[in-house]
Protein backbone atom coordinates (compact mmCIF):
# COMPACT_ATOMS: atom_id res chain seq x y z
CA MET A 1 23.07 48.33 -18.43
CA SER A 2 21.06 47.55 -15.33
CA ASN A 3 21.24 50.13 -12.56
CA LEU A 4 21.73 47.20 -10.18
CA GLU A 5 24.79 45.83 -11.96
CA HIS A 6 27.13 47.14 -9.27
CA TRP A 7 24.73 46.80 -6.34
CA GLN A 8 26.10 44.86 -3.37
CA SER A 9 24.36 43.11 -0.51
CA ALA A 10 23.30 45.24 2.41
CA LYS A 11 25.13 45.11 5.73
CA LEU A 12 23.71 43.65 8.92
CA PRO A 13 22.70 45.84 11.88
CA ASP A 14 25.30 46.11 14.63
CA ALA A 15 25.42 47.10 18.30
CA ARG A 16 26.11 50.81 17.72
CA THR A 17 23.89 53.23 19.59
CA LEU A 18 21.76 55.37 17.28
CA ASP A 19 21.54 58.89 18.68
CA GLY A 20 18.78 61.38 18.01
CA ARG A 21 17.66 64.67 19.46
CA PHE A 22 14.93 63.30 21.75
CA ILE A 23 15.91 59.65 22.16
CA ARG A 24 18.68 57.17 21.54
CA LEU A 25 18.36 53.55 20.47
CA GLU A 26 20.61 51.12 22.34
CA LYS A 27 20.97 47.42 21.56
CA LEU A 28 18.48 45.79 23.91
CA ASP A 29 20.12 44.45 27.09
CA ALA A 30 17.80 42.51 29.39
CA ALA A 31 19.87 43.16 32.52
CA ARG A 32 20.40 46.89 32.00
CA HIS A 33 17.04 47.73 30.45
CA GLY A 34 14.69 45.19 32.05
CA ASP A 35 13.41 47.18 35.01
CA GLY A 36 12.85 50.28 32.90
CA LEU A 37 10.99 48.31 30.22
CA TRP A 38 8.83 46.63 32.86
CA ALA A 39 7.90 50.02 34.31
CA ALA A 40 7.17 51.53 30.88
CA LEU A 41 5.20 48.63 29.45
CA GLN A 42 3.58 46.94 32.46
CA GLY A 43 3.76 49.48 35.30
CA PRO A 44 1.17 51.95 36.59
CA GLY A 45 -0.05 54.21 33.83
CA SER A 46 1.03 51.83 31.05
CA ASP A 47 -0.99 51.60 27.83
CA ALA A 48 -3.86 49.17 28.40
CA LYS A 49 -4.13 48.48 24.65
CA LEU A 50 -0.40 48.00 24.08
CA TRP A 51 -0.41 44.21 23.77
CA ASP A 52 -3.68 43.83 21.84
CA TYR A 53 -2.04 43.29 18.44
CA LEU A 54 1.30 41.87 19.59
CA ALA A 55 2.02 38.14 19.51
CA VAL A 56 2.86 38.04 23.22
CA GLY A 57 1.82 39.74 26.46
CA PRO A 58 0.63 41.19 28.63
CA PHE A 59 2.88 39.77 31.34
CA ALA A 60 1.65 39.18 34.88
CA GLU A 61 5.09 38.42 36.35
CA ARG A 62 8.37 40.32 36.13
CA ALA A 63 10.39 37.09 35.94
CA VAL A 64 8.49 35.86 32.89
CA PHE A 65 8.92 39.26 31.27
CA GLY A 66 12.66 39.06 32.02
CA ASP A 67 12.90 35.69 30.28
CA TYR A 68 11.12 37.19 27.28
CA LEU A 69 13.58 40.10 27.16
CA SER A 70 16.53 37.68 27.35
CA GLY A 71 15.21 36.01 24.23
CA LEU A 72 14.96 39.37 22.48
CA GLN A 73 18.50 40.28 23.51
CA ASN A 74 19.90 37.06 22.05
CA SER A 75 18.00 37.34 18.77
CA THR A 76 19.82 38.46 15.64
CA ASP A 77 16.67 38.60 13.49
CA PRO A 78 14.75 40.44 14.84
CA TRP A 79 17.48 42.79 16.10
CA PHE A 80 16.11 44.71 19.06
CA TYR A 81 16.71 48.25 20.26
CA THR A 82 15.65 49.89 23.54
CA VAL A 83 14.30 53.45 23.34
CA ILE A 84 15.89 55.78 25.92
CA ASP A 85 15.04 59.43 26.55
CA GLN A 86 18.13 61.54 25.86
CA GLU A 87 17.39 64.10 28.58
CA THR A 88 16.17 61.94 31.46
CA GLY A 89 17.56 58.49 30.68
CA THR A 90 14.05 57.07 31.09
CA ILE A 91 13.39 53.87 29.16
CA ASP A 92 10.30 54.20 26.97
CA GLY A 93 9.99 50.94 25.02
CA PHE A 94 11.61 48.86 22.30
CA LEU A 95 11.40 48.05 18.60
CA SER A 96 13.38 46.05 16.07
CA LEU A 97 14.81 45.63 12.64
CA MET A 98 13.62 42.27 11.34
CA SER A 99 13.00 40.09 8.27
CA ILE A 100 16.58 40.99 7.40
CA VAL A 101 17.56 39.79 3.90
CA PRO A 102 20.88 41.44 3.00
CA ALA A 103 21.23 39.64 -0.33
CA GLN A 104 18.02 41.28 -1.54
CA GLY A 105 18.46 44.56 0.34
CA ARG A 106 15.24 44.09 2.28
CA ILE A 107 14.53 44.86 5.95
CA GLU A 108 11.53 45.67 8.15
CA ILE A 109 10.76 47.82 11.18
CA GLY A 110 8.69 45.71 13.58
CA HIS A 111 7.86 44.72 17.15
CA VAL A 112 7.10 48.38 17.84
CA THR A 113 6.36 48.34 21.58
CA PHE A 114 6.19 51.90 22.88
CA GLY A 115 5.13 52.83 26.39
CA ALA A 116 2.50 55.46 27.17
CA SER A 117 5.36 57.90 27.87
CA MET A 118 6.05 58.05 24.12
CA GLN A 119 2.51 58.81 23.04
CA ARG A 120 1.81 62.32 21.79
CA THR A 121 5.53 63.13 21.90
CA PRO A 122 8.16 63.39 19.13
CA LYS A 123 10.01 60.36 20.49
CA GLY A 124 8.07 57.74 18.54
CA THR A 125 8.59 59.58 15.26
CA GLU A 126 12.29 59.96 15.93
CA ALA A 127 12.65 56.25 16.76
CA ILE A 128 11.17 55.31 13.38
CA TYR A 129 13.32 57.93 11.65
CA LEU A 130 16.51 56.61 13.24
CA LEU A 131 15.77 53.02 12.19
CA ALA A 132 14.71 54.01 8.69
CA LYS A 133 17.85 56.10 8.28
CA GLU A 134 19.96 53.19 9.54
CA SER A 135 18.20 50.74 7.24
CA PHE A 136 19.10 52.68 4.11
CA ALA A 137 22.59 53.52 5.40
CA LEU A 138 23.16 49.75 5.64
CA GLY A 139 22.50 49.56 1.91
CA ASN A 140 18.95 48.25 1.85
CA ARG A 141 16.74 48.90 -1.16
CA ARG A 142 13.40 48.30 0.59
CA LEU A 143 12.09 49.02 4.09
CA GLU A 144 8.89 47.25 5.11
CA TRP A 145 6.16 47.82 7.69
CA LYS A 146 3.56 45.13 8.35
CA CYS A 147 0.68 45.09 10.80
CA ASN A 148 -2.65 43.53 11.59
CA ALA A 149 -5.12 45.11 9.19
CA ASP A 150 -7.44 45.69 12.18
CA ASN A 151 -4.74 47.67 14.01
CA ALA A 152 -5.91 51.19 13.19
CA ARG A 153 -3.14 52.84 15.21
CA SER A 154 -0.38 51.01 13.34
CA MET A 155 -2.03 51.55 9.95
CA LYS A 156 -2.34 55.26 10.63
CA ALA A 157 1.27 55.46 11.87
CA ALA A 158 2.66 53.78 8.75
CA GLN A 159 0.87 56.24 6.50
CA ARG A 160 1.92 59.21 8.63
CA PHE A 161 5.56 58.12 8.40
CA GLY A 162 5.35 58.05 4.60
CA PHE A 163 5.14 54.31 3.96
CA THR A 164 3.19 53.29 0.84
CA PHE A 165 0.33 50.82 1.33
CA GLU A 166 0.83 47.80 -0.91
CA GLY A 167 -2.12 45.57 -0.04
CA THR A 168 -3.46 43.03 2.42
CA PHE A 169 -2.53 39.37 2.83
CA ARG A 170 -5.81 37.74 3.87
CA GLN A 171 -5.71 35.04 6.57
CA HIS A 172 -1.96 35.53 6.73
CA MET A 173 -1.45 34.44 10.34
CA VAL A 174 -3.10 33.07 13.47
CA VAL A 175 -2.16 35.22 16.50
CA LYS A 176 -3.51 34.58 19.99
CA ALA A 177 -6.07 32.16 18.53
CA ALA A 178 -7.44 34.81 16.18
CA ASN A 179 -7.15 35.41 12.44
CA ARG A 180 -4.76 38.12 11.28
CA ASP A 181 -5.06 39.76 7.89
CA THR A 182 -1.72 41.52 7.36
CA ALA A 183 -1.40 44.96 5.78
CA TRP A 184 1.88 45.58 3.93
CA PHE A 185 3.63 48.94 3.54
CA SER A 186 7.04 49.94 2.20
CA ILE A 187 9.53 52.70 1.52
CA ILE A 188 12.09 52.14 -1.24
CA ASP A 189 15.54 53.66 -1.48
CA SER A 190 14.65 56.15 -4.23
CA GLU A 191 11.96 57.61 -1.96
CA TRP A 192 14.09 57.88 1.15
CA PRO A 193 16.03 61.11 0.42
CA ALA A 194 12.82 63.16 0.26
CA LEU A 195 11.20 61.31 3.16
CA GLY A 196 14.34 61.60 5.27
CA LYS A 197 14.50 65.33 4.58
CA ALA A 198 10.90 65.70 5.78
CA PHE A 199 11.64 63.73 8.95
CA LYS A 200 14.65 65.95 9.71
CA ALA A 201 12.61 69.11 9.14
CA TRP A 202 9.81 67.82 11.37
CA LEU A 203 12.21 66.95 14.20
CA ASP A 204 14.04 70.28 13.97
CA VAL A 205 13.74 72.62 16.95
CA ASP A 206 12.21 75.29 14.70
CA ASN A 207 9.22 73.05 13.97
CA PHE A 208 8.03 73.10 17.58
CA ASN A 209 6.30 75.79 19.62
CA ASP A 210 5.87 74.97 23.31
CA GLY A 211 6.25 71.30 22.46
CA GLU A 212 3.61 71.33 19.71
CA GLN A 213 4.43 70.68 16.05
CA ILE A 214 4.06 73.58 13.64
CA LYS A 215 4.05 71.62 10.38
CA THR A 216 3.02 67.99 9.99
CA LEU A 217 5.13 65.35 8.28
CA ALA A 218 2.65 65.29 5.40
CA GLN A 219 2.96 69.05 4.94
CA LEU A 220 6.74 68.84 4.96
CA ARG A 221 6.74 65.98 2.43
CA SER A 222 4.65 68.04 0.03
CA ALA A 223 6.70 71.23 0.48
């Protein structure tokens, strides 16, 4: 008897807020979140390399950026979340669940657009953890991560988070008039319990000393 005989389609994401220790993920709202996202992603001190491997941006005008956010808000696939600091209420960026195929139990974390305020902090790790946890709680069997194979930061992040590299699709896309070879990564449902446990241990208050991690995610996965 197949172990999928009683498997049912996954559920779709909904507008619930996903709460963590450092951040919360709210359904993206262009009116409520727009000014904060503009400040985080385009304001003084923003990451100059942020838009290099994204399909859009940078944005020279706030109004054009607002129109872009309105499109994100109205999208159901991708389904966008705004990242908000739990302590200060500061808006730090956005990301999405996308390529949502409930009938096959497949979903992807994408459009990861984090401001400089999230770099070298636990907030980025927790954002990925919250979406991965939600993805499997919705009943998905497979969680994907895809990126430009030249995007060293994204490649390194996927591996740090415990995604398995599956290969490269050569000449997969044309983005901003340039070729994109796409690297594919995944986590499957049988792997998530151990990976989720490592994420929780990494995010725990006991794993930090003066804001610095004591054990890495890789160390906790191998424990």
